[in-house]
PDB file of N, CA and C in Angstrom:
ATOM      1  N   MET A   1     -11.352 -56.990  93.739  1.00  0.00           N
ATOM      2  CA  MET A   1     -10.143 -57.282  93.375  1.00  0.00           C
ATOM      3  C   MET A   1      -9.008 -56.596  92.146  1.00  0.00           C
ATOM      4  N   ASP A   2      -7.821 -55.936  92.472  1.00  0.00           N
ATOM      5  CA  ASP A   2      -7.311 -55.401  91.325  1.00  0.00           C
ATOM      6  C   ASP A   2      -6.479 -56.196  90.611  1.00  0.00           C
ATOM      7  N   PHE A   3      -5.648 -55.590  89.736  1.00  0.00           N
ATOM      8  CA  PHE A   3      -4.968 -56.670  88.875  1.00  0.00           C
ATOM      9  C   PHE A   3      -3.716 -57.380  89.771  1.00  0.00           C
ATOM     10  N   ARG A   4      -3.296 -56.451  90.430  1.00  0.00           N
ATOM     11  CA  ARG A   4      -1.998 -57.183  91.355  1.00  0.00           C
ATOM     12  C   ARG A   4      -2.504 -58.449  92.259  1.00  0.00           C
ATOM     13  N   GLU A   5      -3.546 -58.225  92.953  1.00  0.00           N
ATOM     14  CA  GLU A   5      -4.450 -58.782  94.139  1.00  0.00           C
ATOM     15  C   GLU A   5      -4.471 -60.429  92.781  1.00  0.00           C
ATOM     16  N   ARG A   6      -5.050 -60.153  91.702  1.00  0.00           N
ATOM     17  CA  ARG A   6      -5.393 -61.386  90.662  1.00  0.00           C
ATOM     18  C   ARG A   6      -4.016 -61.874  90.227  1.00  0.00           C
ATOM     19  N   ALA A   7      -3.215 -61.158  89.769  1.00  0.00           N
ATOM     20  CA  ALA A   7      -1.861 -61.823  89.417  1.00  0.00           C
ATOM     21  C   ALA A   7      -1.106 -62.655  90.584  1.00  0.00           C
ATOM     22  N   ARG A   8      -1.157 -62.138  91.904  1.00  0.00           N
ATOM     23  CA  ARG A   8      -0.662 -63.020  93.066  1.00  0.00           C
ATOM     24  C   ARG A   8      -1.693 -64.282  93.020  1.00  0.00           C
ATOM     25  N   SER A   9      -2.908 -64.460  92.997  1.00  0.00           N
ATOM     26  CA  SER A   9      -3.578 -65.254  93.041  1.00  0.00           C
ATOM     27  C   SER A   9      -3.049 -66.090  91.876  1.00  0.00           C
ATOM     28  N   ALA A  10      -3.067 -65.615  90.734  1.00  0.00           N
ATOM     29  CA  ALA A  10      -2.710 -66.697  89.682  1.00  0.00           C
ATOM     30  C   ALA A  10      -1.281 -67.378  89.841  1.00  0.00           C
ATOM     31  N   ALA A  11      -0.385 -66.455  90.340  1.00  0.00           N
ATOM     32  CA  ALA A  11       1.089 -66.830  90.239  1.00  0.00           C
ATOM     33  C   ALA A  11       0.857 -68.049  91.564  1.00  0.00           C
ATOM     34  N   LYS A  12      -0.024 -67.934  92.698  1.00  0.00           N
ATOM     35  CA  LYS A  12       0.009 -69.210  93.661  1.00  0.00           C
ATOM     36  C   LYS A  12      -0.849 -70.320  92.990  1.00  0.00           C
ATOM     37  N   ASN A  13      -1.866 -70.167  92.112  1.00  0.00           N
ATOM     38  CA  ASN A  13      -2.421 -71.225  91.408  1.00  0.00           C
ATOM     39  C   ASN A  13      -1.404 -72.151  90.656  1.00  0.00           C
ATOM     40  N   VAL A  14      -0.428 -71.447  89.752  1.00  0.00           N
ATOM     41  CA  VAL A  14       0.456 -71.991  89.088  1.00  0.00           C
ATOM     42  C   VAL A  14       1.609 -72.958  90.200  1.00  0.00           C
ATOM     43  N   SER A  15       1.780 -72.367  91.194  1.00  0.00           N
ATOM     44  CA  SER A  15       2.778 -73.080  92.128  1.00  0.00           C
ATOM     45  C   SER A  15       1.808 -74.234  92.684  1.00  0.00           C
ATOM     46  N   GLY A  16       0.802 -74.079  92.692  1.00  0.00           N
ATOM     47  CA  GLY A  16       0.079 -75.455  92.989  1.00  0.00           C
ATOM     48  C   GLY A  16      -0.204 -76.404  92.063  1.00  0.00           C
ATOM     49  N   ILE A  17      -0.512 -75.837  90.798  1.00  0.00           N
ATOM     50  CA  ILE A  17      -0.312 -76.917  89.810  1.00  0.00           C
ATOM     51  C   ILE A  17       0.908 -77.574  89.381  1.00  0.00           C
ATOM     52  N   ILE A  18       1.949 -76.991  89.393  1.00  0.00           N
ATOM     53  CA  ILE A  18       3.073 -77.528  89.209  1.00  0.00           C
ATOM     54  C   ILE A  18       3.529 -78.378  90.481  1.00  0.00           C
ATOM     55  N   GLN A  19       2.946 -77.869  91.486  1.00  0.00           N
ATOM     56  CA  GLN A  19       3.481 -78.422  92.946  1.00  0.00           C
ATOM     57  C   GLN A  19       4.868 -78.352  93.284  1.00  0.00           C
ATOM     58  N   SER A  20       4.798 -77.073  93.533  1.00  0.00           N
ATOM     59  CA  SER A  20       6.293 -76.489  93.721  1.00  0.00           C
ATOM     60  C   SER A  20       5.952 -75.475  94.660  1.00  0.00           C
ATOM     61  N   ALA A  21       6.872 -75.002  95.356  1.00  0.00           N
ATOM     62  CA  ALA A  21       6.814 -74.026  96.441  1.00  0.00           C
ATOM     63  C   ALA A  21       8.048 -73.110  95.874  1.00  0.00           C
ATOM     64  N   PRO A  22       7.909 -72.030  95.369  1.00  0.00           N
ATOM     65  CA  PRO A  22       8.765 -70.990  94.882  1.00  0.00           C
ATOM     66  C   PRO A  22       9.244 -70.172  95.843  1.00  0.00           C
ATOM     67  N   SER A  23      10.502 -69.662  95.666  1.00  0.00           N
ATOM     68  CA  SER A  23      10.750 -68.350  96.507  1.00  0.00           C
ATOM     69  C   SER A  23      10.018 -67.098  96.731  1.00  0.00           C
ATOM     70  N   ASP A  24       9.895 -66.582  97.645  1.00  0.00           N
ATOM     71  CA  ASP A  24       9.073 -65.541  97.415  1.00  0.00           C
ATOM     72  C   ASP A  24       9.127 -64.366  96.175  1.00  0.00           C
ATOM     73  N   GLU A  25      10.561 -64.304  96.226  1.00  0.00           N
ATOM     74  CA  GLU A  25      10.976 -63.399  95.039  1.00  0.00           C
ATOM     75  C   GLU A  25      10.493 -64.107  93.516  1.00  0.00           C
ATOM     76  N   LEU A  26      10.695 -65.428  93.453  1.00  0.00           N
ATOM     77  CA  LEU A  26      10.052 -65.919  92.214  1.00  0.00           C
ATOM     78  C   LEU A  26       8.796 -65.775  92.120  1.00  0.00           C
ATOM     79  N   GLU A  27       8.058 -65.940  93.270  1.00  0.00           N
ATOM     80  CA  GLU A  27       6.455 -65.635  93.043  1.00  0.00           C
ATOM     81  C   GLU A  27       6.214 -64.286  92.710  1.00  0.00           C
ATOM     82  N   GLN A  28       6.687 -63.309  93.341  1.00  0.00           N
ATOM     83  CA  GLN A  28       6.604 -62.021  92.769  1.00  0.00           C
ATOM     84  C   GLN A  28       7.079 -61.793  91.307  1.00  0.00           C
ATOM     85  N   GLN A  29       7.921 -62.420  91.000  1.00  0.00           N
ATOM     86  CA  GLN A  29       8.242 -61.967  89.221  1.00  0.00           C
ATOM     87  C   GLN A  29       7.462 -62.899  88.628  1.00  0.00           C
ATOM     88  N   VAL A  30       6.796 -63.999  89.071  1.00  0.00           N
ATOM     89  CA  VAL A  30       5.634 -64.390  88.131  1.00  0.00           C
ATOM     90  C   VAL A  30       4.609 -63.608  88.300  1.00  0.00           C
ATOM     91  N   ALA A  31       4.062 -63.315  89.327  1.00  0.00           N
ATOM     92  CA  ALA A  31       2.758 -62.434  89.508  1.00  0.00           C
ATOM     93  C   ALA A  31       3.139 -61.158  88.767  1.00  0.00           C
ATOM     94  N   ALA A  32       4.233 -60.516  88.431  1.00  0.00           N
ATOM     95  CA  ALA A  32       4.555 -59.505  87.761  1.00  0.00           C
ATOM     96  C   ALA A  32       4.297 -59.785  86.227  1.00  0.00           C
ATOM     97  N   VAL A  33       5.117 -60.690  85.948  1.00  0.00           N
ATOM     98  CA  VAL A  33       4.673 -61.069  84.602  1.00  0.00           C
ATOM     99  C   VAL A  33       3.202 -61.314  84.219  1.00  0.00           C
ATOM    100  N   ILE A  34       2.441 -62.002  84.927  1.00  0.00           N
ATOM    101  CA  ILE A  34       1.097 -62.302  84.664  1.00  0.00           C
ATOM    102  C   ILE A  34       0.395 -61.034  84.784  1.00  0.00           C
ATOM    103  N   GLU A  35       0.372 -60.018  85.808  1.00  0.00           N
ATOM    104  CA  GLU A  35       0.061 -58.549  85.663  1.00  0.00           C
ATOM    105  C   GLU A  35       0.294 -57.741  84.556  1.00  0.00           C
ATOM    106  N   ARG A  36       1.509 -57.919  83.987  1.00  0.00           N
ATOM    107  CA  ARG A  36       1.908 -57.140  83.053  1.00  0.00           C
ATOM    108  C   ARG A  36       0.751 -57.603  81.726  1.00  0.00           C
ATOM    109  N   ALA A  37       0.952 -58.955  81.695  1.00  0.00           N
ATOM    110  CA  ALA A  37      -0.040 -59.751  80.644  1.00  0.00           C
ATOM    111  C   ALA A  37      -1.310 -59.201  80.969  1.00  0.00           C
ATOM    112  N   MET A  38      -1.728 -58.925  81.971  1.00  0.00           N
ATOM    113  CA  MET A  38      -3.424 -58.480  82.010  1.00  0.00           C
ATOM    114  C   MET A  38      -3.276 -57.205  81.477  1.00  0.00           C
ATOM    115  N   ILE A  39      -2.602 -56.301  81.987  1.00  0.00           N
ATOM    116  CA  ILE A  39      -2.310 -54.672  81.530  1.00  0.00           C
ATOM    117  C   ILE A  39      -2.924 -54.786  80.210  1.00  0.00           C
ATOM    118  N   ASP A  40      -1.467 -55.426  79.639  1.00  0.00           N
ATOM    119  CA  ASP A  40      -1.571 -55.526  77.827  1.00  0.00           C
ATOM    120  C   ASP A  40      -2.695 -55.753  77.205  1.00  0.00           C
ATOM    121  N   ALA A  41      -3.131 -56.833  77.915  1.00  0.00           N
ATOM    122  CA  ALA A  41      -4.487 -57.249  77.029  1.00  0.00           C
ATOM    123  C   ALA A  41      -5.621 -56.190  77.434  1.00  0.00           C
ATOM    124  N   VAL A  42      -5.666 -55.380  78.610  1.00  0.00           N
ATOM    125  CA  VAL A  42      -7.102 -54.586  78.606  1.00  0.00           C
ATOM    126  C   VAL A  42      -6.468 -53.363  77.745  1.00  0.00           C
ATOM    127  N   LEU A  43      -5.496 -52.943  77.443  1.00  0.00           N
ATOM    128  CA  LEU A  43      -5.109 -51.869  76.819  1.00  0.00           C
ATOM    129  C   LEU A  43      -5.460 -52.220  75.301  1.00  0.00           C
ATOM    130  N   GLU A  44      -5.003 -53.399  74.958  1.00  0.00           N
ATOM    131  CA  GLU A  44      -5.246 -53.671  73.378  1.00  0.00           C
ATOM    132  C   GLU A  44      -6.778 -53.760  73.097  1.00  0.00           C
ATOM    133  N   TYR A  45      -7.574 -54.332  74.254  1.00  0.00           N
ATOM    134  CA  TYR A  45      -9.090 -54.533  73.802  1.00  0.00           C
ATOM    135  C   TYR A  45      -9.454 -53.097  73.900  1.00  0.00           C
ATOM    136  N   GLY A  46      -8.999 -52.245  74.904  1.00  0.00           N
ATOM    137  CA  GLY A  46      -9.542 -50.870  74.737  1.00  0.00           C
ATOM    138  C   GLY A  46      -9.256 -50.219  73.148  1.00  0.00           C
ATOM    139  N   GLN A  47      -7.991 -50.377  73.148  1.00  0.00           N
ATOM    140  CA  GLN A  47      -7.910 -49.932  71.261  1.00  0.00           C
ATOM    141  C   GLN A  47      -8.880 -50.724  70.221  1.00  0.00           C
ATOM    142  N   ARG A  48      -9.184 -51.732  70.495  1.00  0.00           N
ATOM    143  CA  ARG A  48      -9.987 -52.366  69.640  1.00  0.00           C
ATOM    144  C   ARG A  48     -11.392 -51.754  69.999  1.00  0.00           C
ATOM    145  N   SER A  49     -11.867 -51.280  70.902  1.00  0.00           N
ATOM    146  CA  SER A  49     -13.377 -50.803  71.276  1.00  0.00           C
ATOM    147  C   SER A  49     -13.152 -49.664  70.487  1.00  0.00           C
ATOM    148  N   VAL A  50     -12.096 -48.699  70.905  1.00  0.00           N
ATOM    149  CA  VAL A  50     -11.905 -47.395  70.118  1.00  0.00           C
ATOM    150  C   VAL A  50     -12.263 -47.417  68.529  1.00  0.00           C
ATOM    151  N   LYS A  51     -11.392 -48.573  67.600  1.00  0.00           N
ATOM    152  CA  LYS A  51     -11.678 -48.763  66.445  1.00  0.00           C
ATOM    153  C   LYS A  51     -13.086 -49.200  66.022  1.00  0.00           C
ATOM    154  N   ALA A  52     -13.934 -50.163  67.086  1.00  0.00           N
ATOM    155  CA  ALA A  52     -14.983 -50.538  66.613  1.00  0.00           C
ATOM    156  C   ALA A  52     -16.112 -49.242  66.767  1.00  0.00           C
ATOM    157  N   ALA A  53     -16.087 -48.429  67.680  1.00  0.00           N
ATOM    158  CA  ALA A  53     -16.815 -47.404  67.907  1.00  0.00           C
ATOM    159  C   ALA A  53     -16.844 -46.302  66.783  1.00  0.00           C
ATOM    160  N   VAL A  54     -15.642 -46.286  66.243  1.00  0.00           N
ATOM    161  CA  VAL A  54     -15.258 -45.459  64.961  1.00  0.00           C
ATOM    162  C   VAL A  54     -16.211 -46.316  63.788  1.00  0.00           C
ATOM    163  N   ASN A  55     -16.010 -47.318  63.565  1.00  0.00           N
ATOM    164  CA  ASN A  55     -16.351 -47.974  62.525  1.00  0.00           C
ATOM    165  C   ASN A  55     -17.934 -48.191  62.463  1.00  0.00           C
ATOM    166  N   CYS A  56     -18.117 -48.528  63.603  1.00  0.00           N
ATOM    167  CA  CYS A  56     -19.831 -48.844  63.605  1.00  0.00           C
ATOM    168  C   CYS A  56     -20.707 -47.394  63.483  1.00  0.00           C
ATOM    169  N   CYS A  57     -19.708 -46.351  64.094  1.00  0.00           N
ATOM    170  CA  CYS A  57     -20.505 -45.182  63.691  1.00  0.00           C
ATOM    171  C   CYS A  57     -20.243 -44.422  62.762  1.00  0.00           C
ATOM    172  N   SER A  58     -19.728 -44.941  61.560  1.00  0.00           N
ATOM    173  CA  SER A  58     -19.254 -43.794  60.572  1.00  0.00           C
ATOM    174  C   SER A  58     -19.824 -43.172  60.038  1.00  0.00           C
ATOM    175  N   ALA A  59     -21.399 -43.347  60.074  1.00  0.00           N
ATOM    176  CA  ALA A  59     -22.448 -42.335  59.579  1.00  0.00           C
ATOM    177  C   ALA A  59     -22.512 -41.444  60.725  1.00  0.00           C
ATOM    178  N   ASP A  60     -22.221 -41.265  61.576  1.00  0.00           N
ATOM    179  CA  ASP A  60     -22.079 -39.943  62.855  1.00  0.00           C
ATOM    180  C   ASP A  60     -20.635 -39.932  63.238  1.00  0.00           C
ATOM    181  N   LYS A  61     -19.793 -39.547  62.602  1.00  0.00           N
ATOM    182  CA  LYS A  61     -18.170 -39.258  63.067  1.00  0.00           C
ATOM    183  C   LYS A  61     -18.400 -38.611  64.514  1.00  0.00           C
ATOM    184  N   ASP A  62     -19.255 -37.787  64.613  1.00  0.00           N
ATOM    185  CA  ASP A  62     -19.173 -36.703  66.005  1.00  0.00           C
ATOM    186  C   ASP A  62     -19.465 -37.911  67.046  1.00  0.00           C
ATOM    187  N   LEU A  63     -20.260 -38.735  66.828  1.00  0.00           N
ATOM    188  CA  LEU A  63     -20.750 -39.607  67.881  1.00  0.00           C
ATOM    189  C   LEU A  63     -19.725 -40.458  68.132  1.00  0.00           C
ATOM    190  N   ALA A  64     -18.935 -41.148  66.962  1.00  0.00           N
ATOM    191  CA  ALA A  64     -17.745 -42.049  66.962  1.00  0.00           C
ATOM    192  C   ALA A  64     -16.822 -41.264  67.857  1.00  0.00           C
ATOM    193  N   HIS A  65     -16.284 -40.009  67.497  1.00  0.00           N
ATOM    194  CA  HIS A  65     -15.792 -39.438  68.071  1.00  0.00           C
ATOM    195  C   HIS A  65     -15.638 -39.245  69.673  1.00  0.00           C
ATOM    196  N   LYS A  66     -16.893 -39.022  70.109  1.00  0.00           N
ATOM    197  CA  LYS A  66     -16.942 -38.874  71.565  1.00  0.00           C
ATOM    198  C   LYS A  66     -17.129 -39.887  72.105  1.00  0.00           C
ATOM    199  N   ILE A  67     -17.436 -41.212  71.711  1.00  0.00           N
ATOM    200  CA  ILE A  67     -17.292 -42.707  71.863  1.00  0.00           C
ATOM    201  C   ILE A  67     -15.984 -42.943  72.354  1.00  0.00           C
ATOM    202  N   ALA A  68     -14.910 -42.643  71.369  1.00  0.00           N
ATOM    203  CA  ALA A  68     -13.707 -43.081  71.048  1.00  0.00           C
ATOM    204  C   ALA A  68     -12.946 -42.341  72.351  1.00  0.00           C
ATOM    205  N   GLU A  69     -13.178 -40.892  72.274  1.00  0.00           N
ATOM    206  CA  GLU A  69     -12.687 -40.302  73.487  1.00  0.00           C
ATOM    207  C   GLU A  69     -12.901 -40.794  75.021  1.00  0.00           C
ATOM    208  N   GLU A  70     -14.129 -40.943  74.981  1.00  0.00           N
ATOM    209  CA  GLU A  70     -14.398 -41.619  76.326  1.00  0.00           C
ATOM    210  C   GLU A  70     -13.668 -42.697  76.500  1.00  0.00           C
ATOM    211  N   ILE A  71     -13.522 -43.599  75.873  1.00  0.00           N
ATOM    212  CA  ILE A  71     -12.847 -45.091  75.745  1.00  0.00           C
ATOM    213  C   ILE A  71     -11.435 -44.576  76.119  1.00  0.00           C
ATOM    214  N   ARG A  72     -10.713 -43.714  75.613  1.00  0.00           N
ATOM    215  CA  ARG A  72      -9.154 -43.198  75.902  1.00  0.00           C
ATOM    216  C   ARG A  72      -9.202 -42.907  76.956  1.00  0.00           C
ATOM    217  N   ARG A  73     -10.214 -41.937  77.549  1.00  0.00           N
ATOM    218  CA  ARG A  73     -10.062 -40.983  78.976  1.00  0.00           C
ATOM    219  C   ARG A  73     -10.132 -42.511  80.032  1.00  0.00           C
ATOM    220  N   SER A  74     -10.835 -43.186  79.534  1.00  0.00           N
ATOM    221  CA  SER A  74     -10.908 -44.561  80.714  1.00  0.00           C
ATOM    222  C   SER A  74     -10.003 -45.349  80.852  1.00  0.00           C
ATOM    223  N   ASN A  75      -9.120 -45.387  79.428  1.00  0.00           N
ATOM    224  CA  ASN A  75      -7.813 -46.235  79.514  1.00  0.00           C
ATOM    225  C   ASN A  75      -6.678 -45.318  80.084  1.00  0.00           C
ATOM    226  N   THR A  76      -6.970 -44.096  79.840  1.00  0.00           N
ATOM    227  CA  THR A  76      -5.760 -43.246  80.651  1.00  0.00           C
ATOM    228  C   THR A  76      -5.948 -43.422  82.065  1.00  0.00           C
ATOM    229  N   ALA A  77      -6.945 -43.230  82.653  1.00  0.00           N
ATOM    230  CA  ALA A  77      -7.343 -43.399  84.066  1.00  0.00           C
ATOM    231  C   ALA A  77      -6.816 -45.089  84.578  1.00  0.00           C
ATOM    232  N   LEU A  78      -6.855 -45.785  83.919  1.00  0.00           N
ATOM    233  CA  LEU A  78      -6.591 -47.002  84.295  1.00  0.00           C
ATOM    234  C   LEU A  78      -5.274 -47.258  84.141  1.00  0.00           C
ATOM    235  N   ILE A  79      -4.351 -46.858  83.418  1.00  0.00           N
ATOM    236  CA  ILE A  79      -3.031 -46.791  83.031  1.00  0.00           C
ATOM    237  C   ILE A  79      -2.442 -45.920  84.375  1.00  0.00           C
ATOM    238  N   ALA A  80      -3.356 -44.879  84.839  1.00  0.00           N
ATOM    239  CA  ALA A  80      -2.766 -44.412  86.051  1.00  0.00           C
ATOM    240  C   ALA A  80      -2.913 -45.022  87.169  1.00  0.00           C
ATOM    241  N   ASN A  81      -4.052 -45.505  87.278  1.00  0.00           N
ATOM    242  CA  ASN A  81      -4.368 -46.209  88.545  1.00  0.00           C
ATOM    243  C   ASN A  81      -3.493 -47.558  88.730  1.00  0.00           C
ATOM    244  N   LEU A  82      -2.941 -48.280  87.500  1.00  0.00           N
ATOM    245  CA  LEU A  82      -1.900 -49.485  87.618  1.00  0.00           C
ATOM    246  C   LEU A  82      -0.547 -48.621  87.672  1.00  0.00           C
ATOM    247  N   SER A  83      -0.515 -48.108  87.210  1.00  0.00           N
ATOM    248  CA  SER A  83       1.083 -47.446  87.801  1.00  0.00           C
ATOM    249  C   SER A  83       1.076 -47.118  89.054  1.00  0.00           C
ATOM    250  N   SER A  84       0.361 -46.449  89.625  1.00  0.00           N
ATOM    251  CA  SER A  84       0.298 -46.225  91.125  1.00  0.00           C
ATOM    252  C   SER A  84       0.725 -47.221  91.790  1.00  0.00           C
ATOM    253  N   LEU A  85       0.415 -48.487  91.180  1.00  0.00           N
ATOM    254  CA  LEU A  85       0.307 -49.746  92.152  1.00  0.00           C
ATOM    255  C   LEU A  85       1.970 -50.205  92.135  1.00  0.00           C
ATOM    256  N   ARG A  86       2.413 -49.647  91.171  1.00  0.00           N
ATOM    257  CA  ARG A  86       4.059 -50.269  91.121  1.00  0.00           C
ATOM    258  C   ARG A  86       5.065 -49.843  92.573  1.00  0.00           C
TER     259      ARG A  86
END
């Protein structure tokens, strides 16, 4: 399940909790807000992972940089995939 599907599912769950049937447009807007929040969280935690890799491997800077670069590449691929969903 991708971010968009998860966001739509969450929007439907919110509608059920508040016992309201919003318009399709409003439900899409809520799903977009949820999707953006998920993407932002993934990117933030990716950056934290890079920092952790650099900090934990400070004795071996080359390894730390390799790990950090791999995390950055993964994040770039994720962003490209998510951007193509829009």
